[in-house]
Protein backbone atom coordinates (compact mmCIF):
# COMPACT_ATOMS: atom_id res chain seq x y z
CA UNK A 1 0.00 0.00 0.00
CA UNK A 2 2.93 2.36 0.56
CA UNK A 3 3.56 2.26 -3.20
CA UNK A 4 0.03 3.54 -3.79
CA UNK A 5 0.52 6.31 -1.25
CA UNK A 6 3.70 7.43 -3.02
CA UNK A 7 1.87 7.27 -6.35
CA UNK A 8 -0.88 9.53 -4.98
CA UNK A 9 1.68 12.06 -3.72
CA UNK A 10 3.56 12.04 -7.03
CA UNK A 11 0.38 12.54 -9.03
CA UNK A 12 -0.61 15.46 -6.82
CA UNK A 13 2.79 17.12 -7.27
CA UNK A 14 2.50 16.67 -11.05
CA UNK A 15 -1.05 18.09 -10.98
CA UNK A 16 -0.02 21.15 -8.95
CA UNK A 17 2.93 21.82 -11.26
CA UNK A 18 0.45 22.42 -14.09
CA UNK A 19 -0.50 25.83 -12.67
CA UNK A 20 2.03 26.48 -9.89
CA UNK A 21 5.74 27.13 -10.39
CA UNK A 22 7.75 23.97 -9.61
CA UNK A 23 9.88 25.80 -7.01
CA UNK A 24 6.69 26.65 -5.11
CA UNK A 25 5.34 23.11 -5.48
CA UNK A 26 8.55 21.85 -3.86
CA UNK A 27 7.74 24.00 -0.80
CA UNK A 28 4.63 21.90 -0.20
CA UNK A 29 4.78 19.04 2.27
CA UNK A 30 2.43 16.36 0.97
CA UNK A 31 1.81 13.39 3.24
CA UNK A 32 -0.54 10.46 2.77
CA UNK A 33 -1.66 7.97 5.38
CA UNK A 34 -4.35 5.39 5.82
CA UNK A 35 -7.16 6.28 8.23
CA UNK A 36 -10.57 4.80 9.04
CA UNK A 37 -12.17 6.34 5.94
CA UNK A 38 -9.49 5.36 3.44
CA UNK A 39 -6.48 7.47 2.46
CA UNK A 40 -5.99 10.91 4.00
CA UNK A 41 -3.74 13.29 2.07
CA UNK A 42 -2.52 16.31 4.00
CA UNK A 43 -0.89 19.30 2.34
CA UNK A 44 1.09 21.76 4.43
CA UNK A 45 3.06 24.73 3.25
CA UNK A 46 3.47 28.46 3.19
CA UNK A 47 0.23 30.40 3.03
CA UNK A 48 1.06 32.07 -0.30
CA UNK A 49 1.57 28.68 -1.98
CA UNK A 50 -1.51 27.12 -0.40
CA UNK A 51 -3.55 30.08 -1.63
CA UNK A 52 -2.70 28.93 -5.16
CA UNK A 53 -3.76 25.38 -4.29
CA UNK A 54 -7.04 26.51 -2.73
CA UNK A 55 -7.95 29.07 -5.38
CA UNK A 56 -10.65 31.69 -5.35
CA UNK A 57 -13.51 30.70 -3.04
CA UNK A 58 -12.04 27.19 -2.80
CA UNK A 59 -12.92 26.29 -6.37
CA UNK A 60 -9.47 24.96 -7.23
CA UNK A 61 -9.17 22.72 -4.17
CA UNK A 62 -12.66 21.36 -4.84
CA UNK A 63 -11.57 20.47 -8.37
CA UNK A 64 -8.47 18.77 -6.94
CA UNK A 65 -10.72 16.76 -4.61
CA UNK A 66 -12.76 15.59 -7.62
CA UNK A 67 -9.58 14.54 -9.41
CA UNK A 68 -8.48 12.66 -6.28
CA UNK A 69 -11.78 10.76 -6.33
CA UNK A 70 -10.96 9.66 -9.88
CA UNK A 71 -7.43 8.66 -8.88
CA UNK A 72 -8.84 6.78 -5.91
CA UNK A 73 -11.26 4.93 -8.14
CA UNK A 74 -8.42 3.92 -10.42
CA UNK A 75 -6.33 2.50 -7.59
CA UNK A 76 -9.19 1.23 -5.44
CA UNK A 77 -9.01 3.63 -2.50
CA UNK A 78 -11.19 6.41 -1.08
CA UNK A 79 -9.03 9.55 -0.90
CA UNK A 80 -9.76 12.66 1.17
CA UNK A 81 -7.76 15.89 1.16
CA UNK A 82 -6.87 18.22 4.04
CA UNK A 83 -5.07 21.52 3.41
CA UNK A 84 -3.52 23.48 6.26
CA UNK A 85 -0.98 26.26 6.58
CA UNK A 86 2.13 26.07 8.69
CA UNK A 87 1.80 28.05 11.86
CA UNK A 88 3.86 31.24 11.74
CA UNK A 89 6.12 31.88 14.71
PDB file of N, CA and C in Angstrom:
ATOM      1  N   UNK A   1       0.823  -1.207   0.000  1.00  0.00           N
ATOM      2  CA  UNK A   1       0.000   0.000   0.000  1.00  0.00           C
ATOM      3  C   UNK A   1       0.862   1.264   0.000  1.00  0.00           C
ATOM      4  N   UNK A   2       2.077   1.171   0.525  1.00  0.00           N
ATOM      5  CA  UNK A   2       2.935   2.360   0.560  1.00  0.00           C
ATOM      6  C   UNK A   2       3.277   2.823  -0.861  1.00  0.00           C
ATOM      7  N   UNK A   3       3.314   1.888  -1.811  1.00  0.00           N
ATOM      8  CA  UNK A   3       3.559   2.262  -3.204  1.00  0.00           C
ATOM      9  C   UNK A   3       2.405   3.115  -3.731  1.00  0.00           C
ATOM     10  N   UNK A   4       1.186   2.764  -3.354  1.00  0.00           N
ATOM     11  CA  UNK A   4       0.027   3.541  -3.788  1.00  0.00           C
ATOM     12  C   UNK A   4       0.036   4.921  -3.160  1.00  0.00           C
ATOM     13  N   UNK A   5       0.445   5.012  -1.902  1.00  0.00           N
ATOM     14  CA  UNK A   5       0.523   6.312  -1.246  1.00  0.00           C
ATOM     15  C   UNK A   5       1.542   7.206  -1.935  1.00  0.00           C
ATOM     16  N   UNK A   6       2.678   6.654  -2.301  1.00  0.00           N
ATOM     17  CA  UNK A   6       3.698   7.426  -3.017  1.00  0.00           C
ATOM     18  C   UNK A   6       3.178   7.838  -4.393  1.00  0.00           C
ATOM     19  N   UNK A   7       2.439   6.951  -5.040  1.00  0.00           N
ATOM     20  CA  UNK A   7       1.866   7.269  -6.345  1.00  0.00           C
ATOM     21  C   UNK A   7       0.886   8.433  -6.239  1.00  0.00           C
ATOM     22  N   UNK A   8       0.073   8.441  -5.200  1.00  0.00           N
ATOM     23  CA  UNK A   8      -0.876   9.534  -4.980  1.00  0.00           C
ATOM     24  C   UNK A   8      -0.128  10.846  -4.795  1.00  0.00           C
ATOM     25  N   UNK A   9       0.909  10.839  -3.965  1.00  0.00           N
ATOM     26  CA  UNK A   9       1.679  12.059  -3.715  1.00  0.00           C
ATOM     27  C   UNK A   9       2.355  12.547  -4.991  1.00  0.00           C
ATOM     28  N   UNK A  10       2.910  11.647  -5.773  1.00  0.00           N
ATOM     29  CA  UNK A  10       3.561  12.038  -7.028  1.00  0.00           C
ATOM     30  C   UNK A  10       2.564  12.618  -8.023  1.00  0.00           C
ATOM     31  N   UNK A  11       1.398  12.018  -8.114  1.00  0.00           N
ATOM     32  CA  UNK A  11       0.376  12.535  -9.032  1.00  0.00           C
ATOM     33  C   UNK A  11      -0.095  13.922  -8.604  1.00  0.00           C
ATOM     34  N   UNK A  12      -0.211  14.139  -7.297  1.00  0.00           N
ATOM     35  CA  UNK A  12      -0.608  15.462  -6.819  1.00  0.00           C
ATOM     36  C   UNK A  12       0.447  16.509  -7.155  1.00  0.00           C
ATOM     37  N   UNK A  13       1.712  16.180  -6.933  1.00  0.00           N
ATOM     38  CA  UNK A  13       2.792  17.124  -7.272  1.00  0.00           C
ATOM     39  C   UNK A  13       2.763  17.461  -8.767  1.00  0.00           C
ATOM     40  N   UNK A  14       2.560  16.450  -9.591  1.00  0.00           N
ATOM     41  CA  UNK A  14       2.495  16.667 -11.045  1.00  0.00           C
ATOM     42  C   UNK A  14       1.294  17.544 -11.386  1.00  0.00           C
ATOM     43  N   UNK A  15       0.164  17.294 -10.744  1.00  0.00           N
ATOM     44  CA  UNK A  15      -1.045  18.088 -10.980  1.00  0.00           C
ATOM     45  C   UNK A  15      -0.815  19.546 -10.592  1.00  0.00           C
ATOM     46  N   UNK A  16      -0.257  19.782  -9.407  1.00  0.00           N
ATOM     47  CA  UNK A  16      -0.019  21.153  -8.952  1.00  0.00           C
ATOM     48  C   UNK A  16       0.963  21.884  -9.856  1.00  0.00           C
ATOM     49  N   UNK A  17       1.927  21.165 -10.409  1.00  0.00           N
ATOM     50  CA  UNK A  17       2.928  21.816 -11.256  1.00  0.00           C
ATOM     51  C   UNK A  17       2.334  22.296 -12.581  1.00  0.00           C
ATOM     52  N   UNK A  18       1.102  21.921 -12.884  1.00  0.00           N
ATOM     53  CA  UNK A  18       0.454  22.418 -14.093  1.00  0.00           C
ATOM     54  C   UNK A  18       0.130  23.901 -14.004  1.00  0.00           C
ATOM     55  N   UNK A  19      -0.163  24.415 -12.788  1.00  0.00           N
ATOM     56  CA  UNK A  19      -0.500  25.829 -12.672  1.00  0.00           C
ATOM     57  C   UNK A  19       0.332  26.573 -11.623  1.00  0.00           C
ATOM     58  N   UNK A  20       1.178  25.850 -10.894  1.00  0.00           N
ATOM     59  CA  UNK A  20       2.027  26.478  -9.889  1.00  0.00           C
ATOM     60  C   UNK A  20       3.480  26.228 -10.273  1.00  0.00           C
ATOM     61  N   UNK A  21       4.318  27.247 -10.095  1.00  0.00           N
ATOM     62  CA  UNK A  21       5.745  27.128 -10.385  1.00  0.00           C
ATOM     63  C   UNK A  21       6.331  25.959  -9.596  1.00  0.00           C
ATOM     64  N   UNK A  22       7.197  25.183 -10.229  1.00  0.00           N
ATOM     65  CA  UNK A  22       7.747  23.975  -9.608  1.00  0.00           C
ATOM     66  C   UNK A  22       8.506  24.280  -8.314  1.00  0.00           C
ATOM     67  N   UNK A  23       9.176  25.431  -8.238  1.00  0.00           N
ATOM     68  CA  UNK A  23       9.878  25.802  -7.009  1.00  0.00           C
ATOM     69  C   UNK A  23       8.896  25.967  -5.852  1.00  0.00           C
ATOM     70  N   UNK A  24       7.719  26.491  -6.151  1.00  0.00           N
ATOM     71  CA  UNK A  24       6.688  26.648  -5.110  1.00  0.00           C
ATOM     72  C   UNK A  24       6.068  25.296  -4.756  1.00  0.00           C
ATOM     73  N   UNK A  25       5.889  24.444  -5.746  1.00  0.00           N
ATOM     74  CA  UNK A  25       5.341  23.110  -5.479  1.00  0.00           C
ATOM     75  C   UNK A  25       6.276  22.339  -4.554  1.00  0.00           C
ATOM     76  N   UNK A  26       7.582  22.536  -4.716  1.00  0.00           N
ATOM     77  CA  UNK A  26       8.555  21.853  -3.864  1.00  0.00           C
ATOM     78  C   UNK A  26       8.512  22.338  -2.428  1.00  0.00           C
ATOM     79  N   UNK A  27       7.895  23.498  -2.168  1.00  0.00           N
ATOM     80  CA  UNK A  27       7.741  23.997  -0.803  1.00  0.00           C
ATOM     81  C   UNK A  27       6.600  23.294  -0.066  1.00  0.00           C
ATOM     82  N   UNK A  28       5.764  22.592  -0.809  1.00  0.00           N
ATOM     83  CA  UNK A  28       4.628  21.897  -0.196  1.00  0.00           C
ATOM     84  C   UNK A  28       5.075  20.587   0.426  1.00  0.00           C
ATOM     85  N   UNK A  29       4.544  20.315   1.598  1.00  0.00           N
ATOM     86  CA  UNK A  29       4.777  19.039   2.268  1.00  0.00           C
ATOM     87  C   UNK A  29       3.506  18.215   2.099  1.00  0.00           C
ATOM     88  N   UNK A  30       3.583  17.207   1.252  1.00  0.00           N
ATOM     89  CA  UNK A  30       2.427  16.358   0.969  1.00  0.00           C
ATOM     90  C   UNK A  30       2.642  15.023   1.661  1.00  0.00           C
ATOM     91  N   UNK A  31       1.715  14.680   2.554  1.00  0.00           N
ATOM     92  CA  UNK A  31       1.807  13.389   3.235  1.00  0.00           C
ATOM     93  C   UNK A  31       0.511  12.626   3.006  1.00  0.00           C
ATOM     94  N   UNK A  32       0.628  11.322   2.969  1.00  0.00           N
ATOM     95  CA  UNK A  32      -0.536  10.456   2.769  1.00  0.00           C
ATOM     96  C   UNK A  32      -0.468   9.331   3.787  1.00  0.00           C
ATOM     97  N   UNK A  33      -1.593   9.072   4.425  1.00  0.00           N
ATOM     98  CA  UNK A  33      -1.655   7.973   5.385  1.00  0.00           C
ATOM     99  C   UNK A  33      -3.033   7.339   5.319  1.00  0.00           C
ATOM    100  N   UNK A  34      -3.094   6.134   5.817  1.00  0.00           N
ATOM    101  CA  UNK A  34      -4.351   5.393   5.821  1.00  0.00           C
ATOM    102  C   UNK A  34      -5.071   5.685   7.133  1.00  0.00           C
ATOM    103  N   UNK A  35      -6.349   6.077   7.036  1.00  0.00           N
ATOM    104  CA  UNK A  35      -7.163   6.275   8.225  1.00  0.00           C
ATOM    105  C   UNK A  35      -8.421   5.424   8.114  1.00  0.00           C
ATOM    106  N   UNK A  36      -9.372   5.638   9.009  1.00  0.00           N
ATOM    107  CA  UNK A  36     -10.570   4.797   9.038  1.00  0.00           C
ATOM    108  C   UNK A  36     -11.470   4.985   7.813  1.00  0.00           C
ATOM    109  N   UNK A  37     -11.345   6.082   7.112  1.00  0.00           N
ATOM    110  CA  UNK A  37     -12.174   6.339   5.939  1.00  0.00           C
ATOM    111  C   UNK A  37     -11.506   5.961   4.630  1.00  0.00           C
ATOM    112  N   UNK A  38     -10.232   5.667   4.658  1.00  0.00           N
ATOM    113  CA  UNK A  38      -9.486   5.364   3.438  1.00  0.00           C
ATOM    114  C   UNK A  38      -8.117   6.004   3.511  1.00  0.00           C
ATOM    115  N   UNK A  39      -7.771   6.800   2.514  1.00  0.00           N
ATOM    116  CA  UNK A  39      -6.478   7.474   2.465  1.00  0.00           C
ATOM    117  C   UNK A  39      -6.693   8.955   2.735  1.00  0.00           C
ATOM    118  N   UNK A  40      -5.938   9.488   3.685  1.00  0.00           N
ATOM    119  CA  UNK A  40      -5.986  10.911   4.004  1.00  0.00           C
ATOM    120  C   UNK A  40      -4.712  11.551   3.482  1.00  0.00           C
ATOM    121  N   UNK A  41      -4.873  12.530   2.600  1.00  0.00           N
ATOM    122  CA  UNK A  41      -3.743  13.285   2.067  1.00  0.00           C
ATOM    123  C   UNK A  41      -3.761  14.652   2.728  1.00  0.00           C
ATOM    124  N   UNK A  42      -2.648  15.015   3.356  1.00  0.00           N
ATOM    125  CA  UNK A  42      -2.519  16.315   4.004  1.00  0.00           C
ATOM    126  C   UNK A  42      -1.482  17.134   3.257  1.00  0.00           C
ATOM    127  N   UNK A  43      -1.816  18.388   3.010  1.00  0.00           N
ATOM    128  CA  UNK A  43      -0.892  19.303   2.344  1.00  0.00           C
ATOM    129  C   UNK A  43      -0.622  20.457   3.288  1.00  0.00           C
ATOM    130  N   UNK A  44       0.648  20.655   3.601  1.00  0.00           N
ATOM    131  CA  UNK A  44       1.091  21.755   4.434  1.00  0.00           C
ATOM    132  C   UNK A  44       2.065  22.591   3.633  1.00  0.00           C
ATOM    133  N   UNK A  45       2.119  23.869   3.945  1.00  0.00           N
ATOM    134  CA  UNK A  45       3.065  24.727   3.252  1.00  0.00           C
ATOM    135  C   UNK A  45       2.841  26.176   3.589  1.00  0.00           C
ATOM    136  N   UNK A  46       3.636  27.030   2.975  1.00  0.00           N
ATOM    137  CA  UNK A  46       3.471  28.465   3.189  1.00  0.00           C
ATOM    138  C   UNK A  46       2.106  28.935   2.688  1.00  0.00           C
ATOM    139  N   UNK A  47       1.569  29.922   3.347  1.00  0.00           N
ATOM    140  CA  UNK A  47       0.233  30.403   3.027  1.00  0.00           C
ATOM    141  C   UNK A  47       0.114  30.884   1.584  1.00  0.00           C
ATOM    142  N   UNK A  48       1.154  31.546   1.067  1.00  0.00           N
ATOM    143  CA  UNK A  48       1.064  32.074  -0.296  1.00  0.00           C
ATOM    144  C   UNK A  48       1.013  30.955  -1.344  1.00  0.00           C
ATOM    145  N   UNK A  49       1.632  29.811  -1.051  1.00  0.00           N
ATOM    146  CA  UNK A  49       1.573  28.685  -1.982  1.00  0.00           C
ATOM    147  C   UNK A  49       0.234  27.958  -1.839  1.00  0.00           C
ATOM    148  N   UNK A  50      -0.220  27.791  -0.618  1.00  0.00           N
ATOM    149  CA  UNK A  50      -1.507  27.122  -0.404  1.00  0.00           C
ATOM    150  C   UNK A  50      -2.665  27.934  -0.971  1.00  0.00           C
ATOM    151  N   UNK A  51      -2.512  29.257  -1.021  1.00  0.00           N
ATOM    152  CA  UNK A  51      -3.552  30.084  -1.633  1.00  0.00           C
ATOM    153  C   UNK A  51      -3.719  29.717  -3.104  1.00  0.00           C
ATOM    154  N   UNK A  52      -2.623  29.364  -3.771  1.00  0.00           N
ATOM    155  CA  UNK A  52      -2.699  28.933  -5.165  1.00  0.00           C
ATOM    156  C   UNK A  52      -3.361  27.563  -5.286  1.00  0.00           C
ATOM    157  N   UNK A  53      -3.142  26.710  -4.296  1.00  0.00           N
ATOM    158  CA  UNK A  53      -3.765  25.378  -4.292  1.00  0.00           C
ATOM    159  C   UNK A  53      -5.261  25.497  -4.030  1.00  0.00           C
ATOM    160  N   UNK A  54      -5.634  26.373  -3.112  1.00  0.00           N
ATOM    161  CA  UNK A  54      -7.041  26.511  -2.727  1.00  0.00           C
ATOM    162  C   UNK A  54      -7.840  27.254  -3.795  1.00  0.00           C
ATOM    163  N   UNK A  55      -7.265  28.315  -4.341  1.00  0.00           N
ATOM    164  CA  UNK A  55      -7.955  29.070  -5.383  1.00  0.00           C
ATOM    165  C   UNK A  55      -9.004  30.006  -4.827  1.00  0.00           C
ATOM    166  N   UNK A  56      -9.627  30.723  -5.740  1.00  0.00           N
ATOM    167  CA  UNK A  56     -10.645  31.689  -5.345  1.00  0.00           C
ATOM    168  C   UNK A  56     -11.901  30.964  -4.872  1.00  0.00           C
ATOM    169  N   UNK A  57     -12.329  31.287  -3.667  1.00  0.00           N
ATOM    170  CA  UNK A  57     -13.515  30.696  -3.041  1.00  0.00           C
ATOM    171  C   UNK A  57     -13.442  29.180  -2.944  1.00  0.00           C
ATOM    172  N   UNK A  58     -12.217  28.626  -2.963  1.00  0.00           N
ATOM    173  CA  UNK A  58     -12.044  27.190  -2.802  1.00  0.00           C
ATOM    174  C   UNK A  58     -12.358  26.361  -4.036  1.00  0.00           C
ATOM    175  N   UNK A  59     -12.537  27.016  -5.159  1.00  0.00           N
ATOM    176  CA  UNK A  59     -12.919  26.288  -6.365  1.00  0.00           C
ATOM    177  C   UNK A  59     -11.819  25.351  -6.844  1.00  0.00           C
ATOM    178  N   UNK A  60     -10.565  25.790  -6.747  1.00  0.00           N
ATOM    179  CA  UNK A  60      -9.466  24.958  -7.233  1.00  0.00           C
ATOM    180  C   UNK A  60      -9.310  23.719  -6.373  1.00  0.00           C
ATOM    181  N   UNK A  61      -9.341  23.882  -5.047  1.00  0.00           N
ATOM    182  CA  UNK A  61      -9.168  22.722  -4.174  1.00  0.00           C
ATOM    183  C   UNK A  61     -10.340  21.754  -4.322  1.00  0.00           C
ATOM    184  N   UNK A  62     -11.522  22.259  -4.596  1.00  0.00           N
ATOM    185  CA  UNK A  62     -12.658  21.363  -4.840  1.00  0.00           C
ATOM    186  C   UNK A  62     -12.460  20.559  -6.120  1.00  0.00           C
ATOM    187  N   UNK A  63     -11.878  21.191  -7.133  1.00  0.00           N
ATOM    188  CA  UNK A  63     -11.571  20.468  -8.368  1.00  0.00           C
ATOM    189  C   UNK A  63     -10.505  19.409  -8.113  1.00  0.00           C
ATOM    190  N   UNK A  64      -9.512  19.741  -7.291  1.00  0.00           N
ATOM    191  CA  UNK A  64      -8.465  18.767  -6.940  1.00  0.00           C
ATOM    192  C   UNK A  64      -9.092  17.582  -6.206  1.00  0.00           C
ATOM    193  N   UNK A  65     -10.052  17.846  -5.332  1.00  0.00           N
ATOM    194  CA  UNK A  65     -10.722  16.758  -4.614  1.00  0.00           C
ATOM    195  C   UNK A  65     -11.467  15.834  -5.591  1.00  0.00           C
ATOM    196  N   UNK A  66     -12.084  16.414  -6.613  1.00  0.00           N
ATOM    197  CA  UNK A  66     -12.764  15.593  -7.616  1.00  0.00           C
ATOM    198  C   UNK A  66     -11.768  14.736  -8.387  1.00  0.00           C
ATOM    199  N   UNK A  67     -10.615  15.307  -8.710  1.00  0.00           N
ATOM    200  CA  UNK A  67      -9.579  14.544  -9.409  1.00  0.00           C
ATOM    201  C   UNK A  67      -9.078  13.420  -8.518  1.00  0.00           C
ATOM    202  N   UNK A  68      -8.921  13.695  -7.211  1.00  0.00           N
ATOM    203  CA  UNK A  68      -8.476  12.657  -6.277  1.00  0.00           C
ATOM    204  C   UNK A  68      -9.481  11.512  -6.199  1.00  0.00           C
ATOM    205  N   UNK A  69     -10.762  11.828  -6.308  1.00  0.00           N
ATOM    206  CA  UNK A  69     -11.776  10.763  -6.333  1.00  0.00           C
ATOM    207  C   UNK A  69     -11.557   9.853  -7.535  1.00  0.00           C
ATOM    208  N   UNK A  70     -11.219  10.452  -8.678  1.00  0.00           N
ATOM    209  CA  UNK A  70     -10.956   9.655  -9.882  1.00  0.00           C
ATOM    210  C   UNK A  70      -9.701   8.809  -9.711  1.00  0.00           C
ATOM    211  N   UNK A  71      -8.659   9.411  -9.142  1.00  0.00           N
ATOM    212  CA  UNK A  71      -7.428   8.663  -8.885  1.00  0.00           C
ATOM    213  C   UNK A  71      -7.713   7.523  -7.915  1.00  0.00           C
ATOM    214  N   UNK A  72      -8.488   7.803  -6.876  1.00  0.00           N
ATOM    215  CA  UNK A  72      -8.844   6.781  -5.905  1.00  0.00           C
ATOM    216  C   UNK A  72      -9.617   5.642  -6.528  1.00  0.00           C
ATOM    217  N   UNK A  73     -10.516   5.975  -7.441  1.00  0.00           N
ATOM    218  CA  UNK A  73     -11.263   4.932  -8.136  1.00  0.00           C
ATOM    219  C   UNK A  73     -10.361   4.061  -8.986  1.00  0.00           C
ATOM    220  N   UNK A  74      -9.343   4.676  -9.571  1.00  0.00           N
ATOM    221  CA  UNK A  74      -8.424   3.924 -10.424  1.00  0.00           C
ATOM    222  C   UNK A  74      -7.544   2.970  -9.627  1.00  0.00           C
ATOM    223  N   UNK A  75      -7.202   3.363  -8.396  1.00  0.00           N
ATOM    224  CA  UNK A  75      -6.327   2.501  -7.591  1.00  0.00           C
ATOM    225  C   UNK A  75      -7.080   1.753  -6.501  1.00  0.00           C
ATOM    226  N   UNK A  76      -8.385   1.969  -6.407  1.00  0.00           N
ATOM    227  CA  UNK A  76      -9.191   1.234  -5.440  1.00  0.00           C
ATOM    228  C   UNK A  76      -9.103   1.739  -4.016  1.00  0.00           C
ATOM    229  N   UNK A  77      -9.085   3.060  -3.836  1.00  0.00           N
ATOM    230  CA  UNK A  77      -9.014   3.627  -2.495  1.00  0.00           C
ATOM    231  C   UNK A  77      -9.836   4.913  -2.433  1.00  0.00           C
ATOM    232  N   UNK A  78     -10.490   5.146  -1.304  1.00  0.00           N
ATOM    233  CA  UNK A  78     -11.185   6.412  -1.084  1.00  0.00           C
ATOM    234  C   UNK A  78     -10.153   7.415  -0.579  1.00  0.00           C
ATOM    235  N   UNK A  79     -10.053   8.567  -1.238  1.00  0.00           N
ATOM    236  CA  UNK A  79      -9.030   9.553  -0.897  1.00  0.00           C
ATOM    237  C   UNK A  79      -9.702  10.837  -0.447  1.00  0.00           C
ATOM    238  N   UNK A  80      -9.280  11.356   0.704  1.00  0.00           N
ATOM    239  CA  UNK A  80      -9.760  12.662   1.170  1.00  0.00           C
ATOM    240  C   UNK A  80      -8.563  13.596   1.287  1.00  0.00           C
ATOM    241  N   UNK A  81      -8.817  14.885   1.203  1.00  0.00           N
ATOM    242  CA  UNK A  81      -7.756  15.891   1.159  1.00  0.00           C
ATOM    243  C   UNK A  81      -7.951  16.914   2.278  1.00  0.00           C
ATOM    244  N   UNK A  82      -6.865  17.209   2.981  1.00  0.00           N
ATOM    245  CA  UNK A  82      -6.871  18.220   4.037  1.00  0.00           C
ATOM    246  C   UNK A  82      -5.742  19.197   3.732  1.00  0.00           C
ATOM    247  N   UNK A  83      -6.061  20.484   3.697  1.00  0.00           N
ATOM    248  CA  UNK A  83      -5.073  21.523   3.409  1.00  0.00           C
ATOM    249  C   UNK A  83      -4.948  22.405   4.639  1.00  0.00           C
ATOM    250  N   UNK A  84      -3.722  22.610   5.107  1.00  0.00           N
ATOM    251  CA  UNK A  84      -3.524  23.480   6.260  1.00  0.00           C
ATOM    252  C   UNK A  84      -2.201  24.225   6.148  1.00  0.00           C
ATOM    253  N   UNK A  85      -2.188  25.464   6.640  1.00  0.00           N
ATOM    254  CA  UNK A  85      -0.980  26.261   6.580  1.00  0.00           C
ATOM    255  C   UNK A  85      -0.084  25.971   7.765  1.00  0.00           C
ATOM    256  N   UNK A  86       1.190  26.185   7.570  1.00  0.00           N
ATOM    257  CA  UNK A  86       2.132  26.066   8.691  1.00  0.00           C
ATOM    258  C   UNK A  86       1.882  27.227   9.618  1.00  0.00           C
ATOM    259  N   UNK A  87       1.980  26.979  10.904  1.00  0.00           N
ATOM    260  CA  UNK A  87       1.800  28.050  11.857  1.00  0.00           C
ATOM    261  C   UNK A  87       3.010  28.976  11.817  1.00  0.00           C
ATOM    262  N   UNK A  88       2.753  30.287  11.771  1.00  0.00           N
ATOM    263  CA  UNK A  88       3.857  31.238  11.739  1.00  0.00           C
ATOM    264  C   UNK A  88       4.286  31.552  13.165  1.00  0.00           C
ATOM    265  N   UNK A  89       5.602  31.652  13.363  1.00  0.00           N
ATOM    266  CA  UNK A  89       6.123  31.881  14.715  1.00  0.00           C
ATOM    267  C   UNK A  89       6.826  33.197  14.783  1.00  0.00           C
TER     268      UNK A  89
END
